Amino acid sequence: MKIKEKKVAIAGFIFGLIAPVFGLFFGLQVSPTLGNIFTFPWIIIAMLTDSAFGYWMGVTRWIAFVFSGLVWSLIFLGIHKIKK
């Protein structure tokens, strides 16, 4: 992995950590579709665990944040590879 790709992966991970928070806000205030796009890793975990966000324990929320960071990091890397 080159330095540029590492920077893109780190940027994607950081975006993934804050995207669910923005997604919840945008989903309620601006656009439900935009909110769903930003929170889709959380939606996947909610479907797999068969429980809503509000019923998650603290550990599940931390796992969801890390999972979101990893998913968005992979998305950013994929877009970077396609742009090349």
PDB file of N, CA and C in Angstrom:
ATOM      1  N   MET A   1       0.843  -1.173   0.000  1.00  0.00           N
ATOM      2  CA  MET A   1       0.000   0.000   0.000  1.00  0.00           C
ATOM      3  C   MET A   1       0.893   1.243   0.000  1.00  0.00           C
ATOM      4  N   LYS A   2       0.627   2.117  -0.928  1.00  0.00           N
ATOM      5  CA  LYS A   2       1.426   3.319  -1.038  1.00  0.00           C
ATOM      6  C   LYS A   2       0.971   4.359  -0.011  1.00  0.00           C
ATOM      7  N   ILE A   3       1.790   5.388   0.147  1.00  0.00           N
ATOM      8  CA  ILE A   3       1.488   6.439   1.131  1.00  0.00           C
ATOM      9  C   ILE A   3       0.176   7.138   0.781  1.00  0.00           C
ATOM     10  N   LYS A   4      -0.052   7.398  -0.496  1.00  0.00           N
ATOM     11  CA  LYS A   4      -1.291   8.065  -0.916  1.00  0.00           C
ATOM     12  C   LYS A   4      -2.505   7.204  -0.553  1.00  0.00           C
ATOM     13  N   GLU A   5      -2.404   5.892  -0.765  1.00  0.00           N
ATOM     14  CA  GLU A   5      -3.508   4.995  -0.444  1.00  0.00           C
ATOM     15  C   GLU A   5      -3.736   4.916   1.062  1.00  0.00           C
ATOM     16  N   LYS A   6      -2.667   4.985   1.833  1.00  0.00           N
ATOM     17  CA  LYS A   6      -2.819   4.982   3.298  1.00  0.00           C
ATOM     18  C   LYS A   6      -3.554   6.237   3.760  1.00  0.00           C
ATOM     19  N   LYS A   7      -3.218   7.379   3.158  1.00  0.00           N
ATOM     20  CA  LYS A   7      -3.902   8.622   3.507  1.00  0.00           C
ATOM     21  C   LYS A   7      -5.387   8.546   3.157  1.00  0.00           C
ATOM     22  N   VAL A   8      -5.689   7.962   2.010  1.00  0.00           N
ATOM     23  CA  VAL A   8      -7.083   7.817   1.597  1.00  0.00           C
ATOM     24  C   VAL A   8      -7.816   6.885   2.553  1.00  0.00           C
ATOM     25  N   ALA A   9      -7.160   5.785   2.957  1.00  0.00           N
ATOM     26  CA  ALA A   9      -7.780   4.837   3.886  1.00  0.00           C
ATOM     27  C   ALA A   9      -8.026   5.477   5.248  1.00  0.00           C
ATOM     28  N   ILE A  10      -7.081   6.253   5.728  1.00  0.00           N
ATOM     29  CA  ILE A  10      -7.255   6.932   7.020  1.00  0.00           C
ATOM     30  C   ILE A  10      -8.363   7.973   6.929  1.00  0.00           C
ATOM     31  N   ALA A  11      -8.411   8.709   5.820  1.00  0.00           N
ATOM     32  CA  ALA A  11      -9.485   9.693   5.636  1.00  0.00           C
ATOM     33  C   ALA A  11     -10.845   9.001   5.596  1.00  0.00           C
ATOM     34  N   GLY A  12     -10.921   7.861   4.939  1.00  0.00           N
ATOM     35  CA  GLY A  12     -12.166   7.101   4.894  1.00  0.00           C
ATOM     36  C   GLY A  12     -12.581   6.588   6.258  1.00  0.00           C
ATOM     37  N   PHE A  13     -11.590   6.146   7.051  1.00  0.00           N
ATOM     38  CA  PHE A  13     -11.891   5.649   8.396  1.00  0.00           C
ATOM     39  C   PHE A  13     -12.407   6.784   9.288  1.00  0.00           C
ATOM     40  N   ILE A  14     -11.761   7.919   9.213  1.00  0.00           N
ATOM     41  CA  ILE A  14     -12.210   9.074  10.013  1.00  0.00           C
ATOM     42  C   ILE A  14     -13.609   9.504   9.569  1.00  0.00           C
ATOM     43  N   PHE A  15     -13.841   9.537   8.265  1.00  0.00           N
ATOM     44  CA  PHE A  15     -15.177   9.866   7.780  1.00  0.00           C
ATOM     45  C   PHE A  15     -16.201   8.848   8.285  1.00  0.00           C
ATOM     46  N   GLY A  16     -15.799   7.574   8.305  1.00  0.00           N
ATOM     47  CA  GLY A  16     -16.692   6.523   8.770  1.00  0.00           C
ATOM     48  C   GLY A  16     -17.039   6.641  10.244  1.00  0.00           C
ATOM     49  N   LEU A  17     -16.152   7.239  11.020  1.00  0.00           N
ATOM     50  CA  LEU A  17     -16.446   7.422  12.441  1.00  0.00           C
ATOM     51  C   LEU A  17     -17.465   8.532  12.673  1.00  0.00           C
ATOM     52  N   ILE A  18     -17.447   9.558  11.824  1.00  0.00           N
ATOM     53  CA  ILE A  18     -18.379  10.668  12.037  1.00  0.00           C
ATOM     54  C   ILE A  18     -19.605  10.603  11.131  1.00  0.00           C
ATOM     55  N   ALA A  19     -19.572   9.783  10.088  1.00  0.00           N
ATOM     56  CA  ALA A  19     -20.695   9.702   9.145  1.00  0.00           C
ATOM     57  C   ALA A  19     -21.996   9.245   9.804  1.00  0.00           C
ATOM     58  N   PRO A  20     -21.993   8.250  10.699  1.00  0.00           N
ATOM     59  CA  PRO A  20     -23.270   7.855  11.308  1.00  0.00           C
ATOM     60  C   PRO A  20     -23.919   8.971  12.123  1.00  0.00           C
ATOM     61  N   VAL A  21     -23.116   9.758  12.799  1.00  0.00           N
ATOM     62  CA  VAL A  21     -23.664  10.867  13.589  1.00  0.00           C
ATOM     63  C   VAL A  21     -24.307  11.893  12.660  1.00  0.00           C
ATOM     64  N   PHE A  22     -23.601  12.257  11.590  1.00  0.00           N
ATOM     65  CA  PHE A  22     -24.175  13.175  10.613  1.00  0.00           C
ATOM     66  C   PHE A  22     -25.372  12.544   9.913  1.00  0.00           C
ATOM     67  N   GLY A  23     -25.304  11.237   9.666  1.00  0.00           N
ATOM     68  CA  GLY A  23     -26.404  10.550   9.004  1.00  0.00           C
ATOM     69  C   GLY A  23     -27.687  10.599   9.811  1.00  0.00           C
ATOM     70  N   LEU A  24     -27.569  10.443  11.117  1.00  0.00           N
ATOM     71  CA  LEU A  24     -28.761  10.534  11.961  1.00  0.00           C
ATOM     72  C   LEU A  24     -29.344  11.938  11.923  1.00  0.00           C
ATOM     73  N   PHE A  25     -28.486  12.956  11.941  1.00  0.00           N
ATOM     74  CA  PHE A  25     -28.961  14.334  11.870  1.00  0.00           C
ATOM     75  C   PHE A  25     -29.582  14.638  10.513  1.00  0.00           C
ATOM     76  N   PHE A  26     -28.856  14.301   9.427  1.00  0.00           N
ATOM     77  CA  PHE A  26     -29.366  14.580   8.083  1.00  0.00           C
ATOM     78  C   PHE A  26     -30.641  13.800   7.797  1.00  0.00           C
ATOM     79  N   GLY A  27     -30.712  12.579   8.314  1.00  0.00           N
ATOM     80  CA  GLY A  27     -31.900  11.771   8.089  1.00  0.00           C
ATOM     81  C   GLY A  27     -33.133  12.363   8.726  1.00  0.00           C
ATOM     82  N   LEU A  28     -32.966  13.029   9.846  1.00  0.00           N
ATOM     83  CA  LEU A  28     -34.109  13.628  10.524  1.00  0.00           C
ATOM     84  C   LEU A  28     -34.405  15.035  10.026  1.00  0.00           C
ATOM     85  N   GLN A  29     -33.383  15.791   9.656  1.00  0.00           N
ATOM     86  CA  GLN A  29     -33.562  17.209   9.347  1.00  0.00           C
ATOM     87  C   GLN A  29     -33.546  17.546   7.857  1.00  0.00           C
ATOM     88  N   VAL A  30     -32.767  16.823   7.068  1.00  0.00           N
ATOM     89  CA  VAL A  30     -32.550  17.234   5.680  1.00  0.00           C
ATOM     90  C   VAL A  30     -33.176  16.252   4.694  1.00  0.00           C
ATOM     91  N   SER A  31     -32.618  15.055   4.629  1.00  0.00           N
ATOM     92  CA  SER A  31     -33.059  14.077   3.634  1.00  0.00           C
ATOM     93  C   SER A  31     -32.928  12.670   4.192  1.00  0.00           C
ATOM     94  N   PRO A  32     -34.004  11.918   4.252  1.00  0.00           N
ATOM     95  CA  PRO A  32     -33.908  10.535   4.737  1.00  0.00           C
ATOM     96  C   PRO A  32     -32.985   9.665   3.886  1.00  0.00           C
ATOM     97  N   THR A  33     -32.944   9.914   2.591  1.00  0.00           N
ATOM     98  CA  THR A  33     -32.066   9.129   1.723  1.00  0.00           C
ATOM     99  C   THR A  33     -30.604   9.382   2.057  1.00  0.00           C
ATOM    100  N   LEU A  34     -30.226  10.625   2.245  1.00  0.00           N
ATOM    101  CA  LEU A  34     -28.853  10.963   2.614  1.00  0.00           C
ATOM    102  C   LEU A  34     -28.510  10.363   3.980  1.00  0.00           C
ATOM    103  N   GLY A  35     -29.448  10.399   4.901  1.00  0.00           N
ATOM    104  CA  GLY A  35     -29.240   9.790   6.209  1.00  0.00           C
ATOM    105  C   GLY A  35     -29.018   8.288   6.104  1.00  0.00           C
ATOM    106  N   ASN A  36     -29.770   7.627   5.236  1.00  0.00           N
ATOM    107  CA  ASN A  36     -29.591   6.186   5.047  1.00  0.00           C
ATOM    108  C   ASN A  36     -28.239   5.854   4.430  1.00  0.00           C
ATOM    109  N   ILE A  37     -27.780   6.695   3.525  1.00  0.00           N
ATOM    110  CA  ILE A  37     -26.469   6.454   2.901  1.00  0.00           C
ATOM    111  C   ILE A  37     -25.364   6.582   3.938  1.00  0.00           C
ATOM    112  N   PHE A  38     -25.420   7.608   4.765  1.00  0.00           N
ATOM    113  CA  PHE A  38     -24.373   7.805   5.767  1.00  0.00           C
ATOM    114  C   PHE A  38     -24.400   6.736   6.858  1.00  0.00           C
ATOM    115  N   THR A  39     -25.570   6.223   7.199  1.00  0.00           N
ATOM    116  CA  THR A  39     -25.673   5.258   8.303  1.00  0.00           C
ATOM    117  C   THR A  39     -25.821   3.819   7.841  1.00  0.00           C
ATOM    118  N   PHE A  40     -25.572   3.523   6.557  1.00  0.00           N
ATOM    119  CA  PHE A  40     -25.832   2.170   6.091  1.00  0.00           C
ATOM    120  C   PHE A  40     -25.005   1.088   6.789  1.00  0.00           C
ATOM    121  N   PRO A  41     -23.754   1.342   7.253  1.00  0.00           N
ATOM    122  CA  PRO A  41     -23.095   0.281   8.030  1.00  0.00           C
ATOM    123  C   PRO A  41     -23.841  -0.023   9.339  1.00  0.00           C
ATOM    124  N   TRP A  42     -24.401   1.020   9.973  1.00  0.00           N
ATOM    125  CA  TRP A  42     -25.183   0.804  11.191  1.00  0.00           C
ATOM    126  C   TRP A  42     -26.467   0.060  10.867  1.00  0.00           C
ATOM    127  N   ILE A  43     -27.063   0.359   9.734  1.00  0.00           N
ATOM    128  CA  ILE A  43     -28.295  -0.318   9.333  1.00  0.00           C
ATOM    129  C   ILE A  43     -28.024  -1.799   9.105  1.00  0.00           C
ATOM    130  N   ILE A  44     -26.877  -2.126   8.523  1.00  0.00           N
ATOM    131  CA  ILE A  44     -26.499  -3.528   8.320  1.00  0.00           C
ATOM    132  C   ILE A  44     -26.374  -4.243   9.661  1.00  0.00           C
ATOM    133  N   ILE A  45     -25.695  -3.619  10.626  1.00  0.00           N
ATOM    134  CA  ILE A  45     -25.544  -4.235  11.946  1.00  0.00           C
ATOM    135  C   ILE A  45     -26.901  -4.364  12.635  1.00  0.00           C
ATOM    136  N   ALA A  46     -27.758  -3.371  12.481  1.00  0.00           N
ATOM    137  CA  ALA A  46     -29.097  -3.441  13.079  1.00  0.00           C
ATOM    138  C   ALA A  46     -29.897  -4.600  12.482  1.00  0.00           C
ATOM    139  N   MET A  47     -29.761  -4.821  11.184  1.00  0.00           N
ATOM    140  CA  MET A  47     -30.472  -5.943  10.569  1.00  0.00           C
ATOM    141  C   MET A  47     -29.889  -7.274  11.019  1.00  0.00           C
ATOM    142  N   LEU A  48     -28.557  -7.361  11.150  1.00  0.00           N
ATOM    143  CA  LEU A  48     -27.931  -8.616  11.575  1.00  0.00           C
ATOM    144  C   LEU A  48     -28.250  -8.955  13.027  1.00  0.00           C
ATOM    145  N   THR A  49     -28.291  -7.943  13.893  1.00  0.00           N
ATOM    146  CA  THR A  49     -28.580  -8.205  15.307  1.00  0.00           C
ATOM    147  C   THR A  49     -30.072  -8.181  15.606  1.00  0.00           C
ATOM    148  N   ASP A  50     -30.882  -7.766  14.636  1.00  0.00           N
ATOM    149  CA  ASP A  50     -32.333  -7.686  14.785  1.00  0.00           C
ATOM    150  C   ASP A  50     -32.736  -6.808  15.969  1.00  0.00           C
ATOM    151  N   SER A  51     -32.060  -5.670  16.093  1.00  0.00           N
ATOM    152  CA  SER A  51     -32.418  -4.702  17.138  1.00  0.00           C
ATOM    153  C   SER A  51     -32.175  -3.284  16.623  1.00  0.00           C
ATOM    154  N   ALA A  52     -32.948  -2.348  17.150  1.00  0.00           N
ATOM    155  CA  ALA A  52     -32.835  -0.954  16.733  1.00  0.00           C
ATOM    156  C   ALA A  52     -31.635  -0.289  17.396  1.00  0.00           C
ATOM    157  N   PHE A  53     -31.230   0.874  16.862  1.00  0.00           N
ATOM    158  CA  PHE A  53     -30.081   1.603  17.404  1.00  0.00           C
ATOM    159  C   PHE A  53     -30.232   1.882  18.895  1.00  0.00           C
ATOM    160  N   GLY A  54     -31.397   2.288  19.288  1.00  0.00           N
ATOM    161  CA  GLY A  54     -31.623   2.700  20.672  1.00  0.00           C
ATOM    162  C   GLY A  54     -31.496   1.579  21.679  1.00  0.00           C
ATOM    163  N   TYR A  55     -31.598   0.338  21.231  1.00  0.00           N
ATOM    164  CA  TYR A  55     -31.506  -0.806  22.141  1.00  0.00           C
ATOM    165  C   TYR A  55     -30.107  -1.411  22.205  1.00  0.00           C
ATOM    166  N   TRP A  56     -29.166  -0.815  21.478  1.00  0.00           N
ATOM    167  CA  TRP A  56     -27.812  -1.367  21.482  1.00  0.00           C
ATOM    168  C   TRP A  56     -27.104  -1.088  22.795  1.00  0.00           C
ATOM    169  N   MET A  57     -26.302  -2.065  23.227  1.00  0.00           N
ATOM    170  CA  MET A  57     -25.432  -1.840  24.387  1.00  0.00           C
ATOM    171  C   MET A  57     -24.244  -0.996  23.933  1.00  0.00           C
ATOM    172  N   GLY A  58     -23.472  -0.507  24.890  1.00  0.00           N
ATOM    173  CA  GLY A  58     -22.318   0.332  24.565  1.00  0.00           C
ATOM    174  C   GLY A  58     -21.306  -0.373  23.682  1.00  0.00           C
ATOM    175  N   VAL A  59     -21.080  -1.660  23.935  1.00  0.00           N
ATOM    176  CA  VAL A  59     -20.114  -2.423  23.136  1.00  0.00           C
ATOM    177  C   VAL A  59     -20.569  -2.516  21.684  1.00  0.00           C
ATOM    178  N   THR A  60     -21.850  -2.724  21.492  1.00  0.00           N
ATOM    179  CA  THR A  60     -22.377  -2.818  20.125  1.00  0.00           C
ATOM    180  C   THR A  60     -22.211  -1.496  19.389  1.00  0.00           C
ATOM    181  N   ARG A  61     -22.388  -0.402  20.093  1.00  0.00           N
ATOM    182  CA  ARG A  61     -22.209   0.911  19.456  1.00  0.00           C
ATOM    183  C   ARG A  61     -20.757   1.133  19.050  1.00  0.00           C
ATOM    184  N   TRP A  62     -19.812   0.740  19.906  1.00  0.00           N
ATOM    185  CA  TRP A  62     -18.398   0.877  19.553  1.00  0.00           C
ATOM    186  C   TRP A  62     -18.052  -0.009  18.363  1.00  0.00           C
ATOM    187  N   ILE A  63     -18.590  -1.228  18.353  1.00  0.00           N
ATOM    188  CA  ILE A  63     -18.360  -2.122  17.217  1.00  0.00           C
ATOM    189  C   ILE A  63     -18.938  -1.510  15.945  1.00  0.00           C
ATOM    190  N   ALA A  64     -20.108  -0.889  16.058  1.00  0.00           N
ATOM    191  CA  ALA A  64     -20.732  -0.250  14.894  1.00  0.00           C
ATOM    192  C   ALA A  64     -19.881   0.911  14.377  1.00  0.00           C
ATOM    193  N   PHE A  65     -19.300   1.702  15.292  1.00  0.00           N
ATOM    194  CA  PHE A  65     -18.436   2.804  14.853  1.00  0.00           C
ATOM    195  C   PHE A  65     -17.212   2.272  14.120  1.00  0.00           C
ATOM    196  N   VAL A  66     -16.574   1.244  14.654  1.00  0.00           N
ATOM    197  CA  VAL A  66     -15.384   0.682  14.006  1.00  0.00           C
ATOM    198  C   VAL A  66     -15.760   0.054  12.664  1.00  0.00           C
ATOM    199  N   PHE A  67     -16.862  -0.682  12.634  1.00  0.00           N
ATOM    200  CA  PHE A  67     -17.334  -1.286  11.380  1.00  0.00           C
ATOM    201  C   PHE A  67     -17.627  -0.218  10.334  1.00  0.00           C
ATOM    202  N   SER A  68     -18.251   0.870  10.755  1.00  0.00           N
ATOM    203  CA  SER A  68     -18.527   1.967   9.843  1.00  0.00           C
ATOM    204  C   SER A  68     -17.230   2.564   9.297  1.00  0.00           C
ATOM    205  N   GLY A  69     -16.236   2.746  10.169  1.00  0.00           N
ATOM    206  CA  GLY A  69     -14.947   3.257   9.722  1.00  0.00           C
ATOM    207  C   GLY A  69     -14.289   2.346   8.702  1.00  0.00           C
ATOM    208  N   LEU A  70     -14.359   1.029   8.936  1.00  0.00           N
ATOM    209  CA  LEU A  70     -13.756   0.083   8.001  1.00  0.00           C
ATOM    210  C   LEU A  70     -14.489   0.064   6.660  1.00  0.00           C
ATOM    211  N   VAL A  71     -15.804   0.085   6.721  1.00  0.00           N
ATOM    212  CA  VAL A  71     -16.588   0.074   5.476  1.00  0.00           C
ATOM    213  C   VAL A  71     -16.311   1.332   4.648  1.00  0.00           C
ATOM    214  N   TRP A  72     -16.352   2.504   5.296  1.00  0.00           N
ATOM    215  CA  TRP A  72     -16.105   3.744   4.555  1.00  0.00           C
ATOM    216  C   TRP A  72     -14.662   3.828   4.068  1.00  0.00           C
ATOM    217  N   SER A  73     -13.728   3.242   4.809  1.00  0.00           N
ATOM    218  CA  SER A  73     -12.336   3.204   4.357  1.00  0.00           C
ATOM    219  C   SER A  73     -12.220   2.391   3.075  1.00  0.00           C
ATOM    220  N   LEU A  74     -12.911   1.256   3.022  1.00  0.00           N
ATOM    221  CA  LEU A  74     -12.892   0.444   1.807  1.00  0.00           C
ATOM    222  C   LEU A  74     -13.575   1.160   0.642  1.00  0.00           C
ATOM    223  N   ILE A  75     -14.638   1.882   0.927  1.00  0.00           N
ATOM    224  CA  ILE A  75     -15.316   2.640  -0.125  1.00  0.00           C
ATOM    225  C   ILE A  75     -14.396   3.733  -0.671  1.00  0.00           C
ATOM    226  N   PHE A  76     -13.726   4.457   0.224  1.00  0.00           N
ATOM    227  CA  PHE A  76     -12.799   5.502  -0.219  1.00  0.00           C
ATOM    228  C   PHE A  76     -11.657   4.901  -1.040  1.00  0.00           C
ATOM    229  N   LEU A  77     -11.126   3.759  -0.613  1.00  0.00           N
ATOM    230  CA  LEU A  77     -10.053   3.110  -1.383  1.00  0.00           C
ATOM    231  C   LEU A  77     -10.553   2.662  -2.751  1.00  0.00           C
ATOM    232  N   GLY A  78     -11.765   2.127  -2.811  1.00  0.00           N
ATOM    233  CA  GLY A  78     -12.328   1.713  -4.088  1.00  0.00           C
ATOM    234  C   GLY A  78     -12.501   2.882  -5.037  1.00  0.00           C
ATOM    235  N   ILE A  79     -12.991   3.989  -4.533  1.00  0.00           N
ATOM    236  CA  ILE A  79     -13.149   5.176  -5.375  1.00  0.00           C
ATOM    237  C   ILE A  79     -11.788   5.686  -5.826  1.00  0.00           C
ATOM    238  N   HIS A  80     -10.798   5.644  -4.925  1.00  0.00           N
ATOM    239  CA  HIS A  80      -9.446   6.090  -5.283  1.00  0.00           C
ATOM    240  C   HIS A  80      -8.857   5.211  -6.389  1.00  0.00           C
ATOM    241  N   LYS A  81      -9.082   3.899  -6.292  1.00  0.00           N
ATOM    242  CA  LYS A  81      -8.562   2.982  -7.317  1.00  0.00           C
ATOM    243  C   LYS A  81      -9.259   3.214  -8.658  1.00  0.00           C
ATOM    244  N   ILE A  82     -10.561   3.474  -8.625  1.00  0.00           N
ATOM    245  CA  ILE A  82     -11.305   3.707  -9.865  1.00  0.00           C
ATOM    246  C   ILE A  82     -10.856   5.020 -10.509  1.00  0.00           C
ATOM    247  N   LYS A  83     -10.607   6.039  -9.685  1.00  0.00           N
ATOM    248  CA  LYS A  83     -10.182   7.345 -10.212  1.00  0.00           C
ATOM    249  C   LYS A  83      -8.821   7.279 -10.888  1.00  0.00           C
ATOM    250  N   LYS A  84      -7.968   6.372 -10.427  1.00  0.00           N
ATOM    251  CA  LYS A  84      -6.633   6.266 -11.023  1.00  0.00           C
ATOM    252  C   LYS A  84      -6.729   5.908 -12.427  1.00  0.00           C
TER     253      LYS A  84
END
